Amino acid sequence: HQFAENLSRLKKEHGLKNHQIAELLNVQTRTVAYYMSGETKPDIEKLIRLATYFHLSIDELVGYVQEDKVWNDLSLKQWLLSLNLRSEEEIAKIKILVDTVETLYPN
């Protein structure tokens, strides 16, 4: 139901109504309600439209999170914990750094 939760959150954040999302996807308004309740899921074409509209990847839209290889390294986690990072901002900065290194130096 992660997609349903994400769509509901995005709708609220962007101040959209069901009928506006329905127009974007060329579906009936009740279909959007079904998406948000988790009763049904959109096909790939509609996922692409939504992801493009909200400037997200499809993975982000549907709630798929691929765990990073480096981020899963236990010794790295222990080291990060030893830094006593106090804020989410500090942790996010370290995560961006790790992601960048993984991108530049893939295995």
PDB file of N, CA and C in Angstrom:
ATOM      1  N   HIS A   1       0.816  -1.204   0.000  1.00  0.00           N
ATOM      2  CA  HIS A   1       0.000   0.000   0.000  1.00  0.00           C
ATOM      3  C   HIS A   1       0.857   1.265   0.000  1.00  0.00           C
ATOM      4  N   GLN A   2       2.157   1.098  -0.186  1.00  0.00           N
ATOM      5  CA  GLN A   2       3.046   2.257  -0.176  1.00  0.00           C
ATOM      6  C   GLN A   2       2.690   3.230  -1.294  1.00  0.00           C
ATOM      7  N   PHE A   3       2.347   2.704  -2.481  1.00  0.00           N
ATOM      8  CA  PHE A   3       1.970   3.592  -3.579  1.00  0.00           C
ATOM      9  C   PHE A   3       0.751   4.419  -3.190  1.00  0.00           C
ATOM     10  N   ALA A   4      -0.247   3.773  -2.612  1.00  0.00           N
ATOM     11  CA  ALA A   4      -1.471   4.476  -2.218  1.00  0.00           C
ATOM     12  C   ALA A   4      -1.157   5.594  -1.224  1.00  0.00           C
ATOM     13  N   GLU A   5      -0.308   5.291  -0.250  1.00  0.00           N
ATOM     14  CA  GLU A   5       0.071   6.308   0.737  1.00  0.00           C
ATOM     15  C   GLU A   5       0.838   7.451   0.080  1.00  0.00           C
ATOM     16  N   ASN A   6       1.749   7.109  -0.816  1.00  0.00           N
ATOM     17  CA  ASN A   6       2.535   8.142  -1.496  1.00  0.00           C
ATOM     18  C   ASN A   6       1.656   9.032  -2.363  1.00  0.00           C
ATOM     19  N   LEU A   7       0.734   8.424  -3.100  1.00  0.00           N
ATOM     20  CA  LEU A   7      -0.147   9.217  -3.957  1.00  0.00           C
ATOM     21  C   LEU A   7      -1.012  10.152  -3.114  1.00  0.00           C
ATOM     22  N   SER A   8      -1.532   9.657  -2.020  1.00  0.00           N
ATOM     23  CA  SER A   8      -2.347  10.502  -1.134  1.00  0.00           C
ATOM     24  C   SER A   8      -1.530  11.670  -0.585  1.00  0.00           C
ATOM     25  N   ARG A   9      -0.301  11.374  -0.174  1.00  0.00           N
ATOM     26  CA  ARG A   9       0.572  12.424   0.365  1.00  0.00           C
ATOM     27  C   ARG A   9       0.905  13.454  -0.706  1.00  0.00           C
ATOM     28  N   LEU A  10       1.248  12.998  -1.907  1.00  0.00           N
ATOM     29  CA  LEU A  10       1.598  13.912  -2.999  1.00  0.00           C
ATOM     30  C   LEU A  10       0.405  14.775  -3.400  1.00  0.00           C
ATOM     31  N   LYS A  11      -0.760  14.167  -3.430  1.00  0.00           N
ATOM     32  CA  LYS A  11      -1.983  14.910  -3.754  1.00  0.00           C
ATOM     33  C   LYS A  11      -2.174  16.058  -2.762  1.00  0.00           C
ATOM     34  N   LYS A  12      -1.999  15.742  -1.485  1.00  0.00           N
ATOM     35  CA  LYS A  12      -2.171  16.756  -0.437  1.00  0.00           C
ATOM     36  C   LYS A  12      -1.090  17.832  -0.539  1.00  0.00           C
ATOM     37  N   GLU A  13       0.172  17.407  -0.696  1.00  0.00           N
ATOM     38  CA  GLU A  13       1.284  18.356  -0.772  1.00  0.00           C
ATOM     39  C   GLU A  13       1.143  19.325  -1.939  1.00  0.00           C
ATOM     40  N   HIS A  14       0.573  18.850  -3.033  1.00  0.00           N
ATOM     41  CA  HIS A  14       0.444  19.680  -4.232  1.00  0.00           C
ATOM     42  C   HIS A  14      -0.927  20.341  -4.337  1.00  0.00           C
ATOM     43  N   GLY A  15      -1.764  20.133  -3.335  1.00  0.00           N
ATOM     44  CA  GLY A  15      -3.077  20.762  -3.318  1.00  0.00           C
ATOM     45  C   GLY A  15      -3.973  20.324  -4.467  1.00  0.00           C
ATOM     46  N   LEU A  16      -3.883  19.058  -4.826  1.00  0.00           N
ATOM     47  CA  LEU A  16      -4.652  18.544  -5.958  1.00  0.00           C
ATOM     48  C   LEU A  16      -5.942  17.881  -5.498  1.00  0.00           C
ATOM     49  N   LYS A  17      -6.896  17.843  -6.396  1.00  0.00           N
ATOM     50  CA  LYS A  17      -8.152  17.126  -6.184  1.00  0.00           C
ATOM     51  C   LYS A  17      -8.108  15.850  -7.021  1.00  0.00           C
ATOM     52  N   ASN A  18      -8.923  14.876  -6.641  1.00  0.00           N
ATOM     53  CA  ASN A  18      -8.957  13.614  -7.388  1.00  0.00           C
ATOM     54  C   ASN A  18      -9.235  13.827  -8.868  1.00  0.00           C
ATOM     55  N   HIS A  19     -10.127  14.745  -9.182  1.00  0.00           N
ATOM     56  CA  HIS A  19     -10.484  14.948 -10.587  1.00  0.00           C
ATOM     57  C   HIS A  19      -9.309  15.499 -11.391  1.00  0.00           C
ATOM     58  N   GLN A  20      -8.418  16.247 -10.744  1.00  0.00           N
ATOM     59  CA  GLN A  20      -7.245  16.771 -11.453  1.00  0.00           C
ATOM     60  C   GLN A  20      -6.258  15.646 -11.775  1.00  0.00           C
ATOM     61  N   ILE A  21      -6.082  14.747 -10.842  1.00  0.00           N
ATOM     62  CA  ILE A  21      -5.215  13.593 -11.100  1.00  0.00           C
ATOM     63  C   ILE A  21      -5.856  12.708 -12.168  1.00  0.00           C
ATOM     64  N   ALA A  22      -7.172  12.560 -12.101  1.00  0.00           N
ATOM     65  CA  ALA A  22      -7.889  11.758 -13.098  1.00  0.00           C
ATOM     66  C   ALA A  22      -7.692  12.331 -14.500  1.00  0.00           C
ATOM     67  N   GLU A  23      -7.747  13.651 -14.629  1.00  0.00           N
ATOM     68  CA  GLU A  23      -7.521  14.284 -15.936  1.00  0.00           C
ATOM     69  C   GLU A  23      -6.107  14.025 -16.433  1.00  0.00           C
ATOM     70  N   LEU A  24      -5.136  14.124 -15.543  1.00  0.00           N
ATOM     71  CA  LEU A  24      -3.744  13.869 -15.901  1.00  0.00           C
ATOM     72  C   LEU A  24      -3.568  12.448 -16.441  1.00  0.00           C
ATOM     73  N   LEU A  25      -4.253  11.502 -15.821  1.00  0.00           N
ATOM     74  CA  LEU A  25      -4.095  10.093 -16.178  1.00  0.00           C
ATOM     75  C   LEU A  25      -5.112   9.606 -17.196  1.00  0.00           C
ATOM     76  N   ASN A  26      -6.079  10.466 -17.519  1.00  0.00           N
ATOM     77  CA  ASN A  26      -7.142  10.102 -18.454  1.00  0.00           C
ATOM     78  C   ASN A  26      -7.932   8.891 -17.936  1.00  0.00           C
ATOM     79  N   VAL A  27      -8.319   8.989 -16.652  1.00  0.00           N
ATOM     80  CA  VAL A  27      -9.139   7.953 -16.026  1.00  0.00           C
ATOM     81  C   VAL A  27     -10.308   8.632 -15.322  1.00  0.00           C
ATOM     82  N   GLN A  28     -11.239   7.827 -14.842  1.00  0.00           N
ATOM     83  CA  GLN A  28     -12.356   8.381 -14.093  1.00  0.00           C
ATOM     84  C   GLN A  28     -11.899   8.746 -12.677  1.00  0.00           C
ATOM     85  N   THR A  29     -12.585   9.701 -12.089  1.00  0.00           N
ATOM     86  CA  THR A  29     -12.235  10.172 -10.750  1.00  0.00           C
ATOM     87  C   THR A  29     -12.264   9.037  -9.732  1.00  0.00           C
ATOM     88  N   ARG A  30     -13.217   8.138  -9.860  1.00  0.00           N
ATOM     89  CA  ARG A  30     -13.302   7.037  -8.889  1.00  0.00           C
ATOM     90  C   ARG A  30     -12.096   6.106  -8.990  1.00  0.00           C
ATOM     91  N   THR A  31     -11.481   6.035 -10.180  1.00  0.00           N
ATOM     92  CA  THR A  31     -10.278   5.214 -10.341  1.00  0.00           C
ATOM     93  C   THR A  31      -9.148   5.761  -9.478  1.00  0.00           C
ATOM     94  N   VAL A  32      -9.035   7.076  -9.413  1.00  0.00           N
ATOM     95  CA  VAL A  32      -8.015   7.703  -8.564  1.00  0.00           C
ATOM     96  C   VAL A  32      -8.290   7.354  -7.099  1.00  0.00           C
ATOM     97  N   ALA A  33      -9.549   7.367  -6.711  1.00  0.00           N
ATOM     98  CA  ALA A  33      -9.911   6.986  -5.339  1.00  0.00           C
ATOM     99  C   ALA A  33      -9.511   5.534  -5.071  1.00  0.00           C
ATOM    100  N   TYR A  34      -9.677   4.666  -6.060  1.00  0.00           N
ATOM    101  CA  TYR A  34      -9.257   3.266  -5.914  1.00  0.00           C
ATOM    102  C   TYR A  34      -7.741   3.167  -5.752  1.00  0.00           C
ATOM    103  N   TYR A  35      -7.005   3.980  -6.502  1.00  0.00           N
ATOM    104  CA  TYR A  35      -5.542   3.997  -6.365  1.00  0.00           C
ATOM    105  C   TYR A  35      -5.148   4.386  -4.944  1.00  0.00           C
ATOM    106  N   MET A  36      -5.787   5.422  -4.422  1.00  0.00           N
ATOM    107  CA  MET A  36      -5.417   5.943  -3.105  1.00  0.00           C
ATOM    108  C   MET A  36      -5.873   5.040  -1.962  1.00  0.00           C
ATOM    109  N   SER A  37      -6.861   4.207  -2.209  1.00  0.00           N
ATOM    110  CA  SER A  37      -7.299   3.260  -1.175  1.00  0.00           C
ATOM    111  C   SER A  37      -6.529   1.946  -1.264  1.00  0.00           C
ATOM    112  N   GLY A  38      -5.764   1.787  -2.336  1.00  0.00           N
ATOM    113  CA  GLY A  38      -5.001   0.557  -2.516  1.00  0.00           C
ATOM    114  C   GLY A  38      -5.793  -0.568  -3.144  1.00  0.00           C
ATOM    115  N   GLU A  39      -7.027  -0.277  -3.583  1.00  0.00           N
ATOM    116  CA  GLU A  39      -7.860  -1.314  -4.194  1.00  0.00           C
ATOM    117  C   GLU A  39      -7.325  -1.758  -5.549  1.00  0.00           C
ATOM    118  N   THR A  40      -6.690  -0.839  -6.248  1.00  0.00           N
ATOM    119  CA  THR A  40      -6.110  -1.151  -7.552  1.00  0.00           C
ATOM    120  C   THR A  40      -4.877  -0.286  -7.749  1.00  0.00           C
ATOM    121  N   LYS A  41      -4.078  -0.662  -8.734  1.00  0.00           N
ATOM    122  CA  LYS A  41      -2.853   0.085  -9.023  1.00  0.00           C
ATOM    123  C   LYS A  41      -2.840   0.475 -10.493  1.00  0.00           C
ATOM    124  N   PRO A  42      -2.215   1.595 -10.803  1.00  0.00           N
ATOM    125  CA  PRO A  42      -2.168   2.039 -12.201  1.00  0.00           C
ATOM    126  C   PRO A  42      -1.192   1.198 -13.018  1.00  0.00           C
ATOM    127  N   ASP A  43      -1.412   1.201 -14.335  1.00  0.00           N
ATOM    128  CA  ASP A  43      -0.473   0.515 -15.219  1.00  0.00           C
ATOM    129  C   ASP A  43       0.795   1.357 -15.363  1.00  0.00           C
ATOM    130  N   ILE A  44       1.778   0.817 -16.044  1.00  0.00           N
ATOM    131  CA  ILE A  44       3.083   1.467 -16.139  1.00  0.00           C
ATOM    132  C   ILE A  44       2.994   2.837 -16.813  1.00  0.00           C
ATOM    133  N   GLU A  45       2.146   2.973 -17.813  1.00  0.00           N
ATOM    134  CA  GLU A  45       1.999   4.266 -18.501  1.00  0.00           C
ATOM    135  C   GLU A  45       1.539   5.355 -17.530  1.00  0.00           C
ATOM    136  N   LYS A  46       0.602   5.004 -16.680  1.00  0.00           N
ATOM    137  CA  LYS A  46       0.091   5.978 -15.710  1.00  0.00           C
ATOM    138  C   LYS A  46       1.124   6.258 -14.617  1.00  0.00           C
ATOM    139  N   LEU A  47       1.877   5.238 -14.234  1.00  0.00           N
ATOM    140  CA  LEU A  47       2.956   5.458 -13.269  1.00  0.00           C
ATOM    141  C   LEU A  47       3.989   6.429 -13.829  1.00  0.00           C
ATOM    142  N   ILE A  48       4.305   6.278 -15.113  1.00  0.00           N
ATOM    143  CA  ILE A  48       5.258   7.188 -15.761  1.00  0.00           C
ATOM    144  C   ILE A  48       4.721   8.611 -15.746  1.00  0.00           C
ATOM    145  N   ARG A  49       3.447   8.774 -16.071  1.00  0.00           N
ATOM    146  CA  ARG A  49       2.846  10.120 -16.059  1.00  0.00           C
ATOM    147  C   ARG A  49       2.904  10.742 -14.667  1.00  0.00           C
ATOM    148  N   LEU A  50       2.554   9.949 -13.658  1.00  0.00           N
ATOM    149  CA  LEU A  50       2.575  10.462 -12.281  1.00  0.00           C
ATOM    150  C   LEU A  50       3.991  10.805 -11.841  1.00  0.00           C
ATOM    151  N   ALA A  51       4.924   9.911 -12.109  1.00  0.00           N
ATOM    152  CA  ALA A  51       6.312  10.153 -11.710  1.00  0.00           C
ATOM    153  C   ALA A  51       6.848  11.408 -12.386  1.00  0.00           C
ATOM    154  N   THR A  52       6.543  11.575 -13.648  1.00  0.00           N
ATOM    155  CA  THR A  52       6.988  12.762 -14.384  1.00  0.00           C
ATOM    156  C   THR A  52       6.351  14.018 -13.796  1.00  0.00           C
ATOM    157  N   TYR A  53       5.063  13.967 -13.551  1.00  0.00           N
ATOM    158  CA  TYR A  53       4.349  15.122 -13.012  1.00  0.00           C
ATOM    159  C   TYR A  53       4.918  15.550 -11.657  1.00  0.00           C
ATOM    160  N   PHE A  54       5.194  14.565 -10.792  1.00  0.00           N
ATOM    161  CA  PHE A  54       5.677  14.871  -9.442  1.00  0.00           C
ATOM    162  C   PHE A  54       7.203  14.944  -9.359  1.00  0.00           C
ATOM    163  N   HIS A  55       7.881  14.803 -10.493  1.00  0.00           N
ATOM    164  CA  HIS A  55       9.353  14.860 -10.548  1.00  0.00           C
ATOM    165  C   HIS A  55       9.989  13.813  -9.631  1.00  0.00           C
ATOM    166  N   LEU A  56       9.506  12.581  -9.752  1.00  0.00           N
ATOM    167  CA  LEU A  56      10.017  11.459  -8.971  1.00  0.00           C
ATOM    168  C   LEU A  56      10.388  10.321  -9.907  1.00  0.00           C
ATOM    169  N   SER A  57      11.166   9.386  -9.404  1.00  0.00           N
ATOM    170  CA  SER A  57      11.362   8.146 -10.152  1.00  0.00           C
ATOM    171  C   SER A  57      10.152   7.257  -9.863  1.00  0.00           C
ATOM    172  N   ILE A  58       9.938   6.285 -10.712  1.00  0.00           N
ATOM    173  CA  ILE A  58       8.845   5.344 -10.454  1.00  0.00           C
ATOM    174  C   ILE A  58       9.118   4.593  -9.152  1.00  0.00           C
ATOM    175  N   ASP A  59      10.380   4.246  -8.912  1.00  0.00           N
ATOM    176  CA  ASP A  59      10.732   3.578  -7.655  1.00  0.00           C
ATOM    177  C   ASP A  59      10.289   4.400  -6.448  1.00  0.00           C
ATOM    178  N   GLU A  60      10.566   5.699  -6.486  1.00  0.00           N
ATOM    179  CA  GLU A  60      10.163   6.565  -5.370  1.00  0.00           C
ATOM    180  C   GLU A  60       8.644   6.620  -5.250  1.00  0.00           C
ATOM    181  N   LEU A  61       7.978   6.707  -6.386  1.00  0.00           N
ATOM    182  CA  LEU A  61       6.521   6.814  -6.389  1.00  0.00           C
ATOM    183  C   LEU A  61       5.866   5.585  -5.767  1.00  0.00           C
ATOM    184  N   VAL A  62       6.360   4.407  -6.104  1.00  0.00           N
ATOM    185  CA  VAL A  62       5.740   3.181  -5.590  1.00  0.00           C
ATOM    186  C   VAL A  62       6.317   2.745  -4.250  1.00  0.00           C
ATOM    187  N   GLY A  63       7.341   3.470  -3.771  1.00  0.00           N
ATOM    188  CA  GLY A  63       7.886   3.180  -2.457  1.00  0.00           C
ATOM    189  C   GLY A  63       8.951   2.109  -2.429  1.00  0.00           C
ATOM    190  N   TYR A  64       9.521   1.797  -3.586  1.00  0.00           N
ATOM    191  CA  TYR A  64      10.595   0.801  -3.630  1.00  0.00           C
ATOM    192  C   TYR A  64      11.901   1.463  -3.243  1.00  0.00           C
ATOM    193  N   VAL A  65      12.580   0.889  -2.279  1.00  0.00           N
ATOM    194  CA  VAL A  65      13.861   1.419  -1.842  1.00  0.00           C
ATOM    195  C   VAL A  65      14.887   0.302  -1.954  1.00  0.00           C
ATOM    196  N   GLN A  66      15.861   0.505  -2.822  1.00  0.00           N
ATOM    197  CA  GLN A  66      16.939  -0.466  -2.950  1.00  0.00           C
ATOM    198  C   GLN A  66      18.016  -0.080  -1.949  1.00  0.00           C
ATOM    199  N   GLU A  67      18.303  -0.976  -1.062  1.00  0.00           N
ATOM    200  CA  GLU A  67      19.309  -0.691  -0.045  1.00  0.00           C
ATOM    201  C   GLU A  67      20.679  -0.619  -0.703  1.00  0.00           C
ATOM    202  N   ASP A  68      21.414   0.400  -0.375  1.00  0.00           N
ATOM    203  CA  ASP A  68      22.750   0.577  -0.928  1.00  0.00           C
ATOM    204  C   ASP A  68      23.707  -0.442  -0.332  1.00  0.00           C
ATOM    205  N   LYS A  69      24.603  -0.960  -1.184  1.00  0.00           N
ATOM    206  CA  LYS A  69      25.587  -1.939  -0.716  1.00  0.00           C
ATOM    207  C   LYS A  69      26.470  -1.339   0.373  1.00  0.00           C
ATOM    208  N   VAL A  70      26.993  -0.162   0.119  1.00  0.00           N
ATOM    209  CA  VAL A  70      27.886   0.466   1.088  1.00  0.00           C
ATOM    210  C   VAL A  70      27.128   0.795   2.366  1.00  0.00           C
ATOM    211  N   TRP A  71      25.913   1.292   2.230  1.00  0.00           N
ATOM    212  CA  TRP A  71      25.124   1.702   3.388  1.00  0.00           C
ATOM    213  C   TRP A  71      24.813   0.513   4.286  1.00  0.00           C
ATOM    214  N   ASN A  72      24.779  -0.695   3.722  1.00  0.00           N
ATOM    215  CA  ASN A  72      24.476  -1.885   4.509  1.00  0.00           C
ATOM    216  C   ASN A  72      25.692  -2.450   5.230  1.00  0.00           C
ATOM    217  N   ASP A  73      26.864  -1.946   4.935  1.00  0.00           N
ATOM    218  CA  ASP A  73      28.090  -2.432   5.554  1.00  0.00           C
ATOM    219  C   ASP A  73      28.039  -2.156   7.057  1.00  0.00           C
ATOM    220  N   LEU A  74      28.111  -3.215   7.853  1.00  0.00           N
ATOM    221  CA  LEU A  74      27.971  -3.082   9.304  1.00  0.00           C
ATOM    222  C   LEU A  74      29.047  -2.188   9.909  1.00  0.00           C
ATOM    223  N   SER A  75      30.286  -2.323   9.448  1.00  0.00           N
ATOM    224  CA  SER A  75      31.356  -1.499  10.022  1.00  0.00           C
ATOM    225  C   SER A  75      31.129  -0.022   9.715  1.00  0.00           C
ATOM    226  N   LEU A  76      30.596   0.276   8.543  1.00  0.00           N
ATOM    227  CA  LEU A  76      30.284   1.665   8.200  1.00  0.00           C
ATOM    228  C   LEU A  76      29.186   2.196   9.120  1.00  0.00           C
ATOM    229  N   LYS A  77      28.162   1.382   9.337  1.00  0.00           N
ATOM    230  CA  LYS A  77      27.082   1.810  10.229  1.00  0.00           C
ATOM    231  C   LYS A  77      27.619   2.089  11.633  1.00  0.00           C
ATOM    232  N   GLN A  78      28.482   1.201  12.117  1.00  0.00           N
ATOM    233  CA  GLN A  78      29.046   1.393  13.454  1.00  0.00           C
ATOM    234  C   GLN A  78      29.875   2.675  13.510  1.00  0.00           C
ATOM    235  N   TRP A  79      30.658   2.926  12.469  1.00  0.00           N
ATOM    236  CA  TRP A  79      31.466   4.140  12.418  1.00  0.00           C
ATOM    237  C   TRP A  79      30.579   5.378  12.426  1.00  0.00           C
ATOM    238  N   LEU A  80      29.517   5.354  11.618  1.00  0.00           N
ATOM    239  CA  LEU A  80      28.606   6.501  11.571  1.00  0.00           C
ATOM    240  C   LEU A  80      27.952   6.735  12.930  1.00  0.00           C
ATOM    241  N   LEU A  81      27.578   5.652  13.589  1.00  0.00           N
ATOM    242  CA  LEU A  81      26.983   5.799  14.921  1.00  0.00           C
ATOM    243  C   LEU A  81      27.982   6.399  15.907  1.00  0.00           C
ATOM    244  N   SER A  82      29.247   6.059  15.739  1.00  0.00           N
ATOM    245  CA  SER A  82      30.273   6.589  16.644  1.00  0.00           C
ATOM    246  C   SER A  82      30.485   8.093  16.466  1.00  0.00           C
ATOM    247  N   LEU A  83      30.056   8.628  15.330  1.00  0.00           N
ATOM    248  CA  LEU A  83      30.205  10.065  15.086  1.00  0.00           C
ATOM    249  C   LEU A  83      29.215  10.893  15.899  1.00  0.00           C
ATOM    250  N   ASN A  84      28.232  10.216  16.489  1.00  0.00           N
ATOM    251  CA  ASN A  84      27.203  10.906  17.274  1.00  0.00           C
ATOM    252  C   ASN A  84      26.488  11.980  16.460  1.00  0.00           C
ATOM    253  N   LEU A  85      26.116  11.614  15.249  1.00  0.00           N
ATOM    254  CA  LEU A  85      25.365  12.557  14.420  1.00  0.00           C
ATOM    255  C   LEU A  85      24.027  12.814  15.099  1.00  0.00           C
ATOM    256  N   ARG A  86      23.741  14.059  15.292  1.00  0.00           N
ATOM    257  CA  ARG A  86      22.550  14.405  16.052  1.00  0.00           C
ATOM    258  C   ARG A  86      21.370  14.811  15.185  1.00  0.00           C
ATOM    259  N   SER A  87      21.645  15.326  14.034  1.00  0.00           N
ATOM    260  CA  SER A  87      20.521  15.825  13.239  1.00  0.00           C
ATOM    261  C   SER A  87      20.320  14.977  11.989  1.00  0.00           C
ATOM    262  N   GLU A  88      19.085  14.966  11.535  1.00  0.00           N
ATOM    263  CA  GLU A  88      18.761  14.273  10.289  1.00  0.00           C
ATOM    264  C   GLU A  88      19.530  14.897   9.128  1.00  0.00           C
ATOM    265  N   GLU A  89      19.777  16.191   9.215  1.00  0.00           N
ATOM    266  CA  GLU A  89      20.509  16.892   8.157  1.00  0.00           C
ATOM    267  C   GLU A  89      21.939  16.360   8.049  1.00  0.00           C
ATOM    268  N   GLU A  90      22.586  16.145   9.187  1.00  0.00           N
ATOM    269  CA  GLU A  90      23.947  15.601   9.168  1.00  0.00           C
ATOM    270  C   GLU A  90      23.958  14.198   8.565  1.00  0.00           C
ATOM    271  N   ILE A  91      23.003  13.382   8.954  1.00  0.00           N
ATOM    272  CA  ILE A  91      22.903  12.021   8.433  1.00  0.00           C
ATOM    273  C   ILE A  91      22.635  12.052   6.934  1.00  0.00           C
ATOM    274  N   ALA A  92      21.752  12.945   6.490  1.00  0.00           N
ATOM    275  CA  ALA A  92      21.432  13.059   5.062  1.00  0.00           C
ATOM    276  C   ALA A  92      22.663  13.461   4.257  1.00  0.00           C
ATOM    277  N   LYS A  93      23.480  14.348   4.807  1.00  0.00           N
ATOM    278  CA  LYS A  93      24.697  14.773   4.103  1.00  0.00           C
ATOM    279  C   LYS A  93      25.668  13.610   3.935  1.00  0.00           C
ATOM    280  N   ILE A  94      25.824  12.812   4.974  1.00  0.00           N
ATOM    281  CA  ILE A  94      26.695  11.635   4.891  1.00  0.00           C
ATOM    282  C   ILE A  94      26.146  10.654   3.853  1.00  0.00           C
ATOM    283  N   LYS A  95      24.832  10.465   3.848  1.00  0.00           N
ATOM    284  CA  LYS A  95      24.195   9.548   2.884  1.00  0.00           C
ATOM    285  C   LYS A  95      24.449  10.021   1.464  1.00  0.00           C
ATOM    286  N   ILE A  96      24.337  11.317   1.209  1.00  0.00           N
ATOM    287  CA  ILE A  96      24.600  11.866  -0.128  1.00  0.00           C
ATOM    288  C   ILE A  96      26.047  11.603  -0.518  1.00  0.00           C
ATOM    289  N   LEU A  97      26.950  11.787   0.414  1.00  0.00           N
ATOM    290  CA  LEU A  97      28.367  11.533   0.150  1.00  0.00           C
ATOM    291  C   LEU A  97      28.601  10.067  -0.215  1.00  0.00           C
ATOM    292  N   VAL A  98      28.011   9.163   0.546  1.00  0.00           N
ATOM    293  CA  VAL A  98      28.157   7.730   0.273  1.00  0.00           C
ATOM    294  C   VAL A  98      27.571   7.392  -1.094  1.00  0.00           C
ATOM    295  N   ASP A  99      26.387   7.917  -1.395  1.00  0.00           N
ATOM    296  CA  ASP A  99      25.761   7.667  -2.696  1.00  0.00           C
ATOM    297  C   ASP A  99      26.633   8.166  -3.835  1.00  0.00           C
ATOM    298  N   THR A 100      27.244   9.329  -3.655  1.00  0.00           N
ATOM    299  CA  THR A 100      28.113   9.899  -4.685  1.00  0.00           C
ATOM    300  C   THR A 100      29.330   9.013  -4.915  1.00  0.00           C
ATOM    301  N   VAL A 101      29.935   8.553  -3.839  1.00  0.00           N
ATOM    302  CA  VAL A 101      31.101   7.669  -3.963  1.00  0.00           C
ATOM    303  C   VAL A 101      30.706   6.372  -4.664  1.00  0.00           C
ATOM    304  N   GLU A 102      29.554   5.803  -4.304  1.00  0.00           N
ATOM    305  CA  GLU A 102      29.090   4.580  -4.967  1.00  0.00           C
ATOM    306  C   GLU A 102      28.888   4.801  -6.457  1.00  0.00           C
ATOM    307  N   THR A 103      28.362   5.962  -6.828  1.00  0.00           N
ATOM    308  CA  THR A 103      28.129   6.269  -8.238  1.00  0.00           C
ATOM    309  C   THR A 103      29.445   6.409  -8.989  1.00  0.00           C
ATOM    310  N   LEU A 104      30.400   7.078  -8.389  1.00  0.00           N
ATOM    311  CA  LEU A 104      31.690   7.308  -9.044  1.00  0.00           C
ATOM    312  C   LEU A 104      32.549   6.056  -9.113  1.00  0.00           C
ATOM    313  N   TYR A 105      32.415   5.186  -8.114  1.00  0.00           N
ATOM    314  CA  TYR A 105      33.261   3.994  -8.028  1.00  0.00           C
ATOM    315  C   TYR A 105      32.419   2.737  -7.827  1.00  0.00           C
ATOM    316  N   PRO A 106      31.613   2.369  -8.839  1.00  0.00           N
ATOM    317  CA  PRO A 106      30.781   1.169  -8.692  1.00  0.00           C
ATOM    318  C   PRO A 106      31.648  -0.094  -8.666  1.00  0.00           C
ATOM    319  N   ASN A 107      31.147  -1.106  -8.006  1.00  0.00           N
ATOM    320  CA  ASN A 107      31.888  -2.387  -7.945  1.00  0.00           C
ATOM    321  C   ASN A 107      31.854  -3.090  -9.267  1.00  0.00           C
TER     322      ASN A 107
END
